[in-house]
N, C-alpha and C. Protein backbone atom coordinates (compact mmCIF):
# COMPACT_ATOMS: atom_id res chain seq x y z
N MET A 1 4.54 59.22 -255.86
CA MET A 1 3.71 58.18 -255.30
C MET A 1 4.32 56.83 -255.65
N SER A 2 4.43 55.94 -254.66
CA SER A 2 5.04 54.64 -254.91
C SER A 2 4.04 53.72 -255.61
N ALA A 3 4.58 52.79 -256.36
CA ALA A 3 3.73 51.83 -257.07
C ALA A 3 3.07 50.89 -256.08
N THR A 4 1.86 50.47 -256.41
CA THR A 4 1.14 49.53 -255.57
C THR A 4 1.70 48.13 -255.78
N ARG A 5 1.98 47.45 -254.66
CA ARG A 5 2.46 46.07 -254.77
C ARG A 5 1.27 45.15 -254.94
N ARG A 6 1.36 44.26 -255.88
CA ARG A 6 0.27 43.34 -256.16
C ARG A 6 0.74 41.91 -256.01
N TRP A 7 -0.15 41.07 -255.49
CA TRP A 7 0.16 39.65 -255.41
C TRP A 7 0.30 39.10 -256.82
N PRO A 8 1.24 38.16 -257.01
CA PRO A 8 1.39 37.58 -258.35
C PRO A 8 0.17 36.73 -258.70
N ALA A 9 -0.05 36.59 -260.00
CA ALA A 9 -1.12 35.69 -260.45
C ALA A 9 -0.80 34.28 -260.00
N ARG A 10 -1.82 33.49 -259.78
CA ARG A 10 -1.60 32.11 -259.37
C ARG A 10 -0.89 31.38 -260.49
N SER A 11 0.18 30.65 -260.11
CA SER A 11 1.00 30.00 -261.11
C SER A 11 1.25 28.57 -260.71
N GLY A 12 1.77 27.78 -261.64
CA GLY A 12 1.98 26.37 -261.36
C GLY A 12 0.62 25.78 -261.06
N TYR A 13 0.35 25.51 -259.82
CA TYR A 13 -1.01 25.18 -259.43
C TYR A 13 -1.26 25.86 -258.11
N GLY A 14 -2.48 26.19 -257.84
CA GLY A 14 -2.84 26.72 -256.55
C GLY A 14 -3.65 25.67 -255.83
N ALA A 15 -3.15 25.18 -254.73
CA ALA A 15 -3.84 24.11 -254.01
C ALA A 15 -4.44 24.68 -252.75
N ASP A 16 -5.72 24.58 -252.62
CA ASP A 16 -6.41 25.07 -251.44
C ASP A 16 -7.04 23.90 -250.70
N VAL A 17 -6.83 23.87 -249.39
CA VAL A 17 -7.43 22.86 -248.53
C VAL A 17 -8.09 23.59 -247.38
N GLN A 18 -9.31 23.18 -247.02
CA GLN A 18 -9.98 23.75 -245.87
C GLN A 18 -10.24 22.64 -244.87
N ILE A 19 -9.85 22.88 -243.62
CA ILE A 19 -9.95 21.86 -242.57
C ILE A 19 -10.75 22.45 -241.41
N PRO A 20 -11.95 21.92 -241.15
CA PRO A 20 -12.75 22.42 -240.02
C PRO A 20 -12.27 21.83 -238.69
N PHE A 21 -12.53 22.56 -237.61
CA PHE A 21 -12.26 22.05 -236.27
C PHE A 21 -13.28 22.66 -235.31
N THR A 22 -13.40 22.06 -234.14
CA THR A 22 -14.26 22.58 -233.08
C THR A 22 -13.45 22.65 -231.80
N LEU A 23 -13.48 23.79 -231.15
CA LEU A 23 -12.76 23.98 -229.89
C LEU A 23 -13.67 24.73 -228.92
N ARG A 24 -13.87 24.16 -227.74
CA ARG A 24 -14.73 24.75 -226.71
C ARG A 24 -16.15 25.00 -227.24
N GLY A 25 -16.62 24.10 -228.10
CA GLY A 25 -17.96 24.20 -228.64
C GLY A 25 -18.12 25.22 -229.75
N ILE A 26 -17.03 25.81 -230.21
CA ILE A 26 -17.07 26.83 -231.26
C ILE A 26 -16.38 26.28 -232.50
N ASP A 27 -17.03 26.40 -233.66
CA ASP A 27 -16.47 25.90 -234.91
C ASP A 27 -15.44 26.87 -235.47
N GLY A 28 -14.36 26.30 -235.98
CA GLY A 28 -13.32 27.08 -236.64
C GLY A 28 -12.93 26.44 -237.96
N LEU A 29 -12.09 27.13 -238.72
CA LEU A 29 -11.69 26.65 -240.03
C LEU A 29 -10.26 27.08 -240.33
N VAL A 30 -9.46 26.13 -240.84
CA VAL A 30 -8.12 26.43 -241.34
C VAL A 30 -8.17 26.38 -242.86
N SER A 31 -7.72 27.44 -243.51
CA SER A 31 -7.65 27.51 -244.97
C SER A 31 -6.19 27.54 -245.39
N VAL A 32 -5.78 26.56 -246.19
CA VAL A 32 -4.38 26.40 -246.58
C VAL A 32 -4.21 26.70 -248.07
N ARG A 33 -3.19 27.45 -248.37
CA ARG A 33 -2.87 27.76 -249.77
C ARG A 33 -1.38 27.54 -249.98
N VAL A 34 -1.04 26.79 -251.01
CA VAL A 34 0.36 26.58 -251.39
C VAL A 34 0.52 27.03 -252.83
N GLU A 35 1.52 27.88 -253.07
CA GLU A 35 1.76 28.44 -254.40
C GLU A 35 3.24 28.36 -254.73
N ARG A 36 3.53 28.36 -256.01
CA ARG A 36 4.92 28.50 -256.44
C ARG A 36 5.35 29.95 -256.19
N ASN A 37 6.54 30.12 -255.65
CA ASN A 37 7.03 31.45 -255.30
C ASN A 37 7.67 32.10 -256.53
N ASP A 38 6.85 32.78 -257.31
CA ASP A 38 7.33 33.45 -258.52
C ASP A 38 7.73 34.90 -258.27
N ALA A 39 7.47 35.43 -257.10
CA ALA A 39 7.80 36.82 -256.78
C ALA A 39 8.22 36.90 -255.31
N PRO A 40 9.44 36.44 -254.97
CA PRO A 40 9.87 36.43 -253.57
C PRO A 40 9.75 37.78 -252.88
N GLU A 41 9.94 38.86 -253.61
CA GLU A 41 9.90 40.19 -252.99
C GLU A 41 8.50 40.53 -252.48
N LEU A 42 7.48 39.87 -253.00
CA LEU A 42 6.12 40.16 -252.57
C LEU A 42 5.70 39.36 -251.34
N VAL A 43 6.47 38.34 -250.99
CA VAL A 43 6.16 37.56 -249.80
C VAL A 43 7.27 37.66 -248.75
N GLY A 44 8.23 38.57 -248.97
CA GLY A 44 9.26 38.83 -247.97
C GLY A 44 10.33 37.77 -247.88
N SER A 45 10.48 36.96 -248.92
CA SER A 45 11.52 35.94 -248.90
C SER A 45 12.66 36.35 -249.84
N GLY A 46 13.79 35.67 -249.70
CA GLY A 46 14.96 36.02 -250.50
C GLY A 46 14.91 35.45 -251.90
N PRO A 47 15.82 35.88 -252.77
CA PRO A 47 15.82 35.42 -254.16
C PRO A 47 16.05 33.92 -254.31
N ASP A 48 16.69 33.29 -253.31
CA ASP A 48 16.92 31.84 -253.38
C ASP A 48 15.63 31.04 -253.28
N SER A 49 14.52 31.69 -252.88
CA SER A 49 13.25 30.97 -252.77
C SER A 49 12.46 30.97 -254.08
N LEU A 50 12.98 31.61 -255.13
CA LEU A 50 12.30 31.65 -256.41
C LEU A 50 12.07 30.24 -256.94
N GLY A 51 10.83 29.94 -257.28
CA GLY A 51 10.48 28.64 -257.83
C GLY A 51 10.12 27.59 -256.79
N PHE A 52 10.45 27.86 -255.54
CA PHE A 52 10.06 26.96 -254.46
C PHE A 52 8.63 27.30 -254.01
N PRO A 53 8.02 26.48 -253.16
CA PRO A 53 6.67 26.82 -252.71
C PRO A 53 6.67 27.85 -251.60
N TRP A 54 5.57 28.55 -251.47
CA TRP A 54 5.27 29.25 -250.21
C TRP A 54 3.93 28.75 -249.73
N CYS A 55 3.80 28.71 -248.41
CA CYS A 55 2.59 28.18 -247.79
C CYS A 55 2.01 29.23 -246.85
N HIS A 56 0.70 29.41 -246.93
CA HIS A 56 0.00 30.32 -246.02
C HIS A 56 -1.24 29.59 -245.51
N ALA A 57 -1.35 29.49 -244.19
CA ALA A 57 -2.53 28.89 -243.57
C ALA A 57 -3.18 29.94 -242.68
N ALA A 58 -4.45 30.22 -242.93
CA ALA A 58 -5.20 31.21 -242.16
C ALA A 58 -6.21 30.50 -241.28
N VAL A 59 -6.42 31.06 -240.08
CA VAL A 59 -7.36 30.49 -239.11
C VAL A 59 -8.55 31.41 -238.97
N ALA A 60 -9.74 30.85 -239.05
CA ALA A 60 -10.97 31.58 -238.74
C ALA A 60 -11.58 30.91 -237.51
N TYR A 61 -11.58 31.65 -236.39
CA TYR A 61 -12.10 31.10 -235.14
C TYR A 61 -12.68 32.26 -234.34
N PRO A 62 -14.01 32.32 -234.16
CA PRO A 62 -14.64 33.52 -233.64
C PRO A 62 -14.58 33.73 -232.13
N ALA A 63 -13.92 32.84 -231.39
CA ALA A 63 -13.78 33.09 -229.95
C ALA A 63 -12.94 34.34 -229.73
N GLN A 64 -12.98 34.86 -228.52
CA GLN A 64 -12.24 36.08 -228.21
C GLN A 64 -11.36 35.88 -226.99
N GLY A 65 -10.39 36.77 -226.86
CA GLY A 65 -9.55 36.79 -225.67
C GLY A 65 -8.67 35.55 -225.54
N TYR A 66 -8.38 35.19 -224.30
CA TYR A 66 -7.44 34.09 -224.05
C TYR A 66 -7.92 32.78 -224.64
N ASP A 67 -9.22 32.56 -224.73
CA ASP A 67 -9.75 31.32 -225.30
C ASP A 67 -9.49 31.22 -226.80
N ALA A 68 -9.07 32.30 -227.42
CA ALA A 68 -8.81 32.30 -228.86
C ALA A 68 -7.33 32.16 -229.19
N VAL A 69 -6.46 32.05 -228.18
CA VAL A 69 -5.03 31.94 -228.44
C VAL A 69 -4.72 30.53 -228.96
N LEU A 70 -4.11 30.48 -230.13
CA LEU A 70 -3.72 29.23 -230.78
C LEU A 70 -2.28 29.36 -231.25
N GLY A 71 -1.67 28.24 -231.57
CA GLY A 71 -0.29 28.27 -232.05
C GLY A 71 -0.03 27.20 -233.10
N TRP A 72 0.94 27.46 -233.95
CA TRP A 72 1.34 26.52 -234.99
C TRP A 72 2.64 25.82 -234.59
N VAL A 73 2.65 24.50 -234.72
CA VAL A 73 3.85 23.70 -234.54
C VAL A 73 4.16 23.08 -235.89
N GLN A 74 5.40 23.25 -236.37
CA GLN A 74 5.77 22.69 -237.68
C GLN A 74 7.04 21.86 -237.54
N LEU A 75 7.02 20.71 -238.20
CA LEU A 75 8.18 19.83 -238.28
C LEU A 75 8.47 19.57 -239.75
N VAL A 76 9.76 19.37 -240.07
CA VAL A 76 10.17 19.19 -241.45
C VAL A 76 11.07 17.96 -241.58
N ARG A 77 10.83 17.19 -242.63
CA ARG A 77 11.74 16.10 -243.01
C ARG A 77 12.33 16.48 -244.35
N SER A 78 13.67 16.56 -244.39
CA SER A 78 14.35 17.00 -245.60
C SER A 78 15.64 16.20 -245.77
N ASP A 79 16.00 15.92 -247.00
CA ASP A 79 17.21 15.15 -247.26
C ASP A 79 18.47 15.83 -246.73
N ASP A 80 18.43 17.15 -246.50
CA ASP A 80 19.62 17.83 -246.01
C ASP A 80 19.51 18.22 -244.53
N ASN A 81 18.56 17.62 -243.79
CA ASN A 81 18.53 17.91 -242.35
C ASN A 81 19.47 16.95 -241.61
N LEU A 82 19.54 17.06 -240.30
CA LEU A 82 20.53 16.32 -239.52
C LEU A 82 20.38 14.81 -239.67
N SER A 83 19.17 14.33 -239.86
CA SER A 83 18.95 12.88 -239.97
C SER A 83 19.06 12.39 -241.42
N GLY A 84 19.38 13.29 -242.34
CA GLY A 84 19.48 12.89 -243.73
C GLY A 84 18.16 12.52 -244.37
N GLY A 85 17.07 13.08 -243.85
CA GLY A 85 15.76 12.84 -244.42
C GLY A 85 15.04 11.65 -243.83
N ARG A 86 15.62 11.04 -242.79
CA ARG A 86 14.96 9.88 -242.18
C ARG A 86 13.93 10.27 -241.14
N GLU A 87 14.11 11.43 -240.49
CA GLU A 87 13.25 11.85 -239.39
C GLU A 87 12.74 13.27 -239.62
N PHE A 88 11.57 13.56 -239.05
CA PHE A 88 11.08 14.94 -239.00
C PHE A 88 11.78 15.66 -237.86
N GLU A 89 12.13 16.92 -238.10
CA GLU A 89 12.77 17.74 -237.10
C GLU A 89 11.95 19.03 -236.91
N ILE A 90 12.03 19.58 -235.72
CA ILE A 90 11.27 20.78 -235.39
C ILE A 90 11.77 21.94 -236.24
N ASP A 91 10.83 22.71 -236.76
CA ASP A 91 11.14 23.81 -237.67
C ASP A 91 10.71 25.13 -237.04
N PRO A 92 11.57 25.72 -236.21
CA PRO A 92 11.19 26.99 -235.57
C PRO A 92 11.32 28.15 -236.55
N LEU A 93 10.82 29.29 -236.15
CA LEU A 93 10.99 30.51 -236.94
C LEU A 93 12.39 31.04 -236.64
N ALA A 94 13.30 30.89 -237.59
CA ALA A 94 14.73 31.07 -237.34
C ALA A 94 15.08 32.45 -236.76
N PHE A 95 14.43 33.51 -237.23
CA PHE A 95 14.86 34.84 -236.79
C PHE A 95 14.47 35.13 -235.35
N LEU A 96 13.68 34.25 -234.72
CA LEU A 96 13.38 34.42 -233.29
C LEU A 96 14.44 33.80 -232.39
N GLY A 97 15.33 32.99 -232.97
CA GLY A 97 16.34 32.31 -232.17
C GLY A 97 15.70 31.21 -231.32
N ASP A 98 16.43 30.79 -230.29
CA ASP A 98 15.91 29.75 -229.40
C ASP A 98 14.79 30.32 -228.53
N VAL A 99 13.67 29.64 -228.52
CA VAL A 99 12.54 30.05 -227.69
C VAL A 99 12.15 28.87 -226.79
N PRO A 100 11.54 29.12 -225.64
CA PRO A 100 11.23 28.04 -224.70
C PRO A 100 9.91 27.33 -224.97
N HIS A 101 9.36 27.49 -226.17
CA HIS A 101 8.10 26.85 -226.52
C HIS A 101 8.19 26.31 -227.94
N PRO A 102 7.28 25.42 -228.33
CA PRO A 102 7.38 24.76 -229.63
C PRO A 102 6.72 25.48 -230.80
N PHE A 103 6.18 26.67 -230.58
CA PHE A 103 5.36 27.32 -231.60
C PHE A 103 6.19 28.20 -232.53
N CYS A 104 5.95 28.04 -233.84
CA CYS A 104 6.61 28.95 -234.79
C CYS A 104 5.77 30.21 -235.00
N TRP A 105 4.46 30.12 -234.81
CA TRP A 105 3.55 31.27 -234.85
C TRP A 105 2.53 31.07 -233.73
N ILE A 106 2.20 32.14 -233.02
CA ILE A 106 1.24 32.01 -231.93
C ILE A 106 0.48 33.33 -231.78
N GLY A 107 -0.80 33.26 -231.42
CA GLY A 107 -1.58 34.47 -231.22
C GLY A 107 -3.06 34.20 -231.38
N LEU A 108 -3.83 35.27 -231.59
CA LEU A 108 -5.26 35.17 -231.84
C LEU A 108 -5.46 34.91 -233.33
N GLU A 109 -6.08 33.79 -233.68
CA GLU A 109 -6.23 33.38 -235.07
C GLU A 109 -4.89 33.48 -235.82
N PRO A 110 -3.85 32.82 -235.32
CA PRO A 110 -2.53 32.98 -235.92
C PRO A 110 -2.45 32.41 -237.33
N GLN A 111 -1.74 33.11 -238.18
CA GLN A 111 -1.49 32.64 -239.53
C GLN A 111 -0.13 31.96 -239.58
N LEU A 112 -0.04 30.90 -240.36
CA LEU A 112 1.25 30.25 -240.60
C LEU A 112 1.73 30.67 -241.98
N PHE A 113 3.01 31.03 -242.06
CA PHE A 113 3.62 31.33 -243.35
C PHE A 113 5.00 30.72 -243.39
N ASP A 114 5.35 30.14 -244.54
CA ASP A 114 6.70 29.60 -244.73
C ASP A 114 7.03 29.66 -246.20
N ALA A 115 8.29 29.95 -246.50
CA ALA A 115 8.77 30.00 -247.89
C ALA A 115 10.18 29.42 -247.92
N PRO A 116 10.30 28.09 -248.04
CA PRO A 116 11.63 27.48 -248.03
C PRO A 116 12.44 27.85 -249.26
N SER A 117 13.75 27.68 -249.15
CA SER A 117 14.64 27.95 -250.28
C SER A 117 15.91 27.10 -250.14
N ARG A 118 16.61 26.92 -251.23
CA ARG A 118 17.90 26.25 -251.25
C ARG A 118 18.72 26.85 -252.38
N ALA A 119 20.03 27.02 -252.13
CA ALA A 119 20.93 27.48 -253.18
C ALA A 119 22.30 26.83 -252.97
N PRO A 120 22.79 26.14 -253.96
CA PRO A 120 22.14 25.83 -255.23
C PRO A 120 21.03 24.79 -255.03
N ILE A 121 20.23 24.57 -256.06
CA ILE A 121 19.14 23.60 -255.98
C ILE A 121 19.72 22.21 -256.16
N ALA A 122 19.70 21.42 -255.09
CA ALA A 122 20.18 20.04 -255.15
C ALA A 122 18.98 19.10 -255.18
N ASP A 123 19.20 17.89 -255.68
CA ASP A 123 18.13 16.90 -255.65
C ASP A 123 17.75 16.61 -254.21
N MET A 124 16.48 16.75 -253.89
CA MET A 124 16.05 16.52 -252.51
C MET A 124 14.54 16.42 -252.42
N ASP A 125 14.09 15.81 -251.32
CA ASP A 125 12.69 15.80 -250.93
C ASP A 125 12.55 16.58 -249.64
N TRP A 126 11.53 17.43 -249.56
CA TRP A 126 11.29 18.30 -248.40
C TRP A 126 9.81 18.24 -248.08
N MET A 127 9.49 17.84 -246.86
CA MET A 127 8.08 17.70 -246.45
C MET A 127 7.89 18.34 -245.09
N ALA A 128 6.84 19.16 -244.96
CA ALA A 128 6.49 19.77 -243.67
C ALA A 128 5.20 19.15 -243.16
N HIS A 129 5.13 18.98 -241.85
CA HIS A 129 3.90 18.66 -241.14
C HIS A 129 3.58 19.84 -240.24
N SER A 130 2.48 20.50 -240.49
CA SER A 130 2.09 21.73 -239.78
C SER A 130 0.82 21.45 -238.99
N PHE A 131 0.84 21.78 -237.69
CA PHE A 131 -0.29 21.48 -236.82
C PHE A 131 -0.76 22.74 -236.11
N LEU A 132 -2.07 22.99 -236.16
CA LEU A 132 -2.68 24.05 -235.35
C LEU A 132 -2.97 23.47 -233.97
N CYS A 133 -2.51 24.17 -232.94
CA CYS A 133 -2.55 23.63 -231.58
C CYS A 133 -3.13 24.63 -230.59
N VAL A 134 -3.52 24.10 -229.45
CA VAL A 134 -3.99 24.91 -228.33
C VAL A 134 -2.92 24.87 -227.24
N PRO A 135 -2.30 26.01 -226.93
CA PRO A 135 -1.39 26.04 -225.78
C PRO A 135 -2.22 26.26 -224.51
N ASP A 136 -1.97 25.45 -223.51
CA ASP A 136 -2.77 25.55 -222.28
C ASP A 136 -1.83 25.60 -221.09
N GLY A 137 -1.79 26.72 -220.43
CA GLY A 137 -0.97 26.86 -219.24
C GLY A 137 -1.77 27.31 -218.05
N GLY A 138 -3.01 26.87 -217.99
CA GLY A 138 -3.89 27.29 -216.90
C GLY A 138 -3.47 26.73 -215.57
N PRO A 139 -4.04 27.23 -214.48
CA PRO A 139 -3.68 26.79 -213.14
C PRO A 139 -3.83 25.28 -212.99
N GLY A 140 -2.76 24.64 -212.54
CA GLY A 140 -2.78 23.21 -212.28
C GLY A 140 -2.64 22.33 -213.50
N SER A 141 -2.62 22.92 -214.70
CA SER A 141 -2.57 22.11 -215.91
C SER A 141 -1.15 21.93 -216.43
N GLY A 142 -0.18 22.67 -215.86
CA GLY A 142 1.15 22.64 -216.45
C GLY A 142 1.13 23.33 -217.79
N MET A 143 2.12 23.06 -218.60
CA MET A 143 2.16 23.63 -219.95
C MET A 143 1.92 22.48 -220.92
N ARG A 144 0.78 22.50 -221.58
CA ARG A 144 0.40 21.40 -222.46
C ARG A 144 0.02 21.92 -223.83
N VAL A 145 0.13 21.04 -224.80
CA VAL A 145 -0.19 21.36 -226.18
C VAL A 145 -1.16 20.30 -226.69
N ASP A 146 -2.34 20.74 -227.11
CA ASP A 146 -3.32 19.88 -227.77
C ASP A 146 -3.37 20.25 -229.24
N ALA A 147 -3.14 19.29 -230.12
CA ALA A 147 -3.28 19.54 -231.56
C ALA A 147 -4.75 19.49 -231.95
N LEU A 148 -5.14 20.38 -232.85
CA LEU A 148 -6.52 20.42 -233.36
C LEU A 148 -6.63 19.77 -234.74
N VAL A 149 -5.77 20.20 -235.65
CA VAL A 149 -5.73 19.69 -237.02
C VAL A 149 -4.30 19.80 -237.52
N GLY A 150 -4.03 19.16 -238.65
CA GLY A 150 -2.72 19.29 -239.26
C GLY A 150 -2.79 19.05 -240.76
N PHE A 151 -1.74 19.49 -241.45
CA PHE A 151 -1.66 19.24 -242.89
C PHE A 151 -0.19 19.11 -243.29
N SER A 152 0.03 18.40 -244.38
CA SER A 152 1.37 18.26 -244.95
C SER A 152 1.48 19.09 -246.22
N TRP A 153 2.72 19.47 -246.56
CA TRP A 153 2.98 20.18 -247.81
C TRP A 153 4.49 20.14 -248.05
N GLY A 154 4.94 20.45 -249.25
CA GLY A 154 6.37 20.42 -249.46
C GLY A 154 6.76 20.55 -250.92
N PHE A 155 7.95 19.97 -251.24
CA PHE A 155 8.44 20.02 -252.61
C PHE A 155 9.43 18.89 -252.85
N ARG A 156 9.67 18.65 -254.13
CA ARG A 156 10.68 17.69 -254.56
C ARG A 156 11.52 18.38 -255.63
N ALA A 157 12.85 18.30 -255.51
CA ALA A 157 13.75 18.91 -256.49
C ALA A 157 14.54 17.82 -257.19
N ARG A 158 14.53 17.86 -258.52
CA ARG A 158 15.28 16.92 -259.34
C ARG A 158 15.85 17.67 -260.54
N ASP A 159 17.18 17.56 -260.72
CA ASP A 159 17.85 18.17 -261.87
C ASP A 159 17.51 19.66 -262.01
N GLY A 160 17.46 20.36 -260.88
CA GLY A 160 17.20 21.79 -260.89
C GLY A 160 15.76 22.19 -261.05
N VAL A 161 14.85 21.21 -261.14
CA VAL A 161 13.42 21.50 -261.29
C VAL A 161 12.72 21.20 -259.98
N VAL A 162 11.95 22.17 -259.49
CA VAL A 162 11.24 22.03 -258.21
C VAL A 162 9.77 21.73 -258.49
N SER A 163 9.29 20.62 -257.95
CA SER A 163 7.88 20.24 -258.06
C SER A 163 7.22 20.41 -256.70
N LEU A 164 6.07 21.05 -256.67
CA LEU A 164 5.37 21.30 -255.42
C LEU A 164 4.55 20.09 -255.01
N THR A 165 4.48 19.86 -253.70
CA THR A 165 3.65 18.79 -253.14
C THR A 165 2.41 19.44 -252.55
N ALA A 166 1.26 19.09 -253.06
CA ALA A 166 0.00 19.70 -252.63
C ALA A 166 -0.27 19.41 -251.16
N PRO A 167 -0.90 20.34 -250.46
CA PRO A 167 -1.23 20.10 -249.05
C PRO A 167 -2.29 19.02 -248.91
N GLU A 168 -2.13 18.22 -247.87
CA GLU A 168 -3.10 17.17 -247.55
C GLU A 168 -3.34 17.16 -246.05
N GLU A 169 -4.57 16.90 -245.66
CA GLU A 169 -4.92 16.85 -244.25
C GLU A 169 -4.23 15.67 -243.58
N LEU A 170 -3.71 15.90 -242.37
CA LEU A 170 -3.05 14.86 -241.58
C LEU A 170 -4.02 14.23 -240.59
N ARG A 171 -3.64 13.06 -240.09
CA ARG A 171 -4.44 12.31 -239.12
C ARG A 171 -3.86 12.48 -237.72
N PRO A 172 -4.65 12.17 -236.69
CA PRO A 172 -4.12 12.21 -235.32
C PRO A 172 -2.88 11.35 -235.14
N SER A 173 -2.79 10.23 -235.85
CA SER A 173 -1.62 9.36 -235.72
C SER A 173 -0.35 10.05 -236.23
N ASP A 174 -0.48 10.98 -237.18
CA ASP A 174 0.68 11.74 -237.65
C ASP A 174 1.22 12.62 -236.53
N TRP A 175 0.32 13.28 -235.82
CA TRP A 175 0.72 14.08 -234.65
C TRP A 175 1.39 13.20 -233.60
N ASP A 176 0.78 12.06 -233.32
CA ASP A 176 1.33 11.17 -232.30
C ASP A 176 2.74 10.72 -232.65
N GLY A 177 3.03 10.57 -233.94
CA GLY A 177 4.35 10.17 -234.36
C GLY A 177 5.43 11.21 -234.09
N HIS A 178 5.03 12.44 -233.81
CA HIS A 178 5.99 13.52 -233.53
C HIS A 178 6.12 13.83 -232.04
N ARG A 179 5.29 13.24 -231.22
CA ARG A 179 5.25 13.63 -229.81
C ARG A 179 6.56 13.36 -229.09
N ASP A 180 7.24 12.26 -229.39
CA ASP A 180 8.50 11.97 -228.72
C ASP A 180 9.56 13.03 -229.03
N ALA A 181 9.68 13.40 -230.31
CA ALA A 181 10.66 14.42 -230.69
C ALA A 181 10.34 15.76 -230.04
N LEU A 182 9.07 16.11 -230.00
CA LEU A 182 8.68 17.37 -229.37
C LEU A 182 8.96 17.34 -227.86
N SER A 183 8.62 16.23 -227.22
CA SER A 183 8.83 16.12 -225.77
C SER A 183 10.30 16.13 -225.40
N THR A 184 11.14 15.58 -226.25
CA THR A 184 12.58 15.56 -226.00
C THR A 184 13.16 16.97 -226.07
N THR A 185 12.68 17.76 -227.01
CA THR A 185 13.19 19.12 -227.19
C THR A 185 12.59 20.09 -226.18
N TYR A 186 11.30 19.94 -225.89
CA TYR A 186 10.59 20.86 -224.99
C TYR A 186 10.12 20.07 -223.79
N ARG A 187 11.03 19.82 -222.86
CA ARG A 187 10.77 18.91 -221.74
C ARG A 187 9.76 19.45 -220.74
N ASP A 188 9.54 20.76 -220.73
CA ASP A 188 8.58 21.35 -219.80
C ASP A 188 7.15 21.31 -220.32
N TRP A 189 6.97 20.82 -221.54
CA TRP A 189 5.64 20.81 -222.15
C TRP A 189 5.12 19.39 -222.29
N LEU A 190 3.83 19.23 -222.13
CA LEU A 190 3.16 17.96 -222.34
C LEU A 190 2.44 18.02 -223.68
N PHE A 191 2.75 17.08 -224.58
CA PHE A 191 2.13 17.02 -225.89
C PHE A 191 1.09 15.90 -225.87
N VAL A 192 -0.18 16.28 -225.87
CA VAL A 192 -1.29 15.36 -225.65
C VAL A 192 -1.53 14.53 -226.91
N ALA A 193 -1.81 13.26 -226.73
CA ALA A 193 -2.04 12.35 -227.85
C ALA A 193 -3.33 12.69 -228.59
N GLY A 194 -3.34 12.41 -229.88
CA GLY A 194 -4.53 12.58 -230.71
C GLY A 194 -4.86 14.04 -230.96
N PHE A 195 -5.96 14.27 -231.66
CA PHE A 195 -6.46 15.63 -231.91
C PHE A 195 -7.56 15.94 -230.91
N ARG A 196 -7.52 17.13 -230.37
CA ARG A 196 -8.57 17.58 -229.46
C ARG A 196 -9.86 17.79 -230.24
N ARG A 197 -10.97 17.28 -229.74
CA ARG A 197 -12.24 17.33 -230.47
C ARG A 197 -13.29 18.19 -229.79
N THR A 198 -13.02 18.76 -228.61
CA THR A 198 -14.03 19.57 -227.92
C THR A 198 -13.43 20.90 -227.50
């Protein structure tokens, strides 16, 4: 009989944020947890992610069927990205390759998971902006993305020591600041300003 795999005890700090939203008159909730990655094998990440954060955001939204389809859009600003940490860049799910849409996770009550890593550990700042969105491709609407809520999270590395950045709720203006970059990359999609409130 194989040994039971157990989640590691909460370490460093465990930061939980809950963000409510309403879509189509139905209340939903995003629950965010950021932890230090002390056991990469238990979260499916490689050994280079040891000591870095992992982030899990769960969605509770009781609608059913097509009205319950949601997606996560994530952008990252990092000192080692193409802009040298000056700009946020789209952060797709790498093992999917190039996809024709902006979502890193999509589905019914989709969960977001990420576990960044670097080897060797260089001094750097890494920040993610993660947004829960509504993909809408209904008749006559084109392909549009309405953001519902968002949160930031990340880490800072100095002299080989990684410090976690607690998640914080984002504002509609944060989403609006990313719309140009998203529209440039995904030209067939319309990224609607502000957060959808109904």
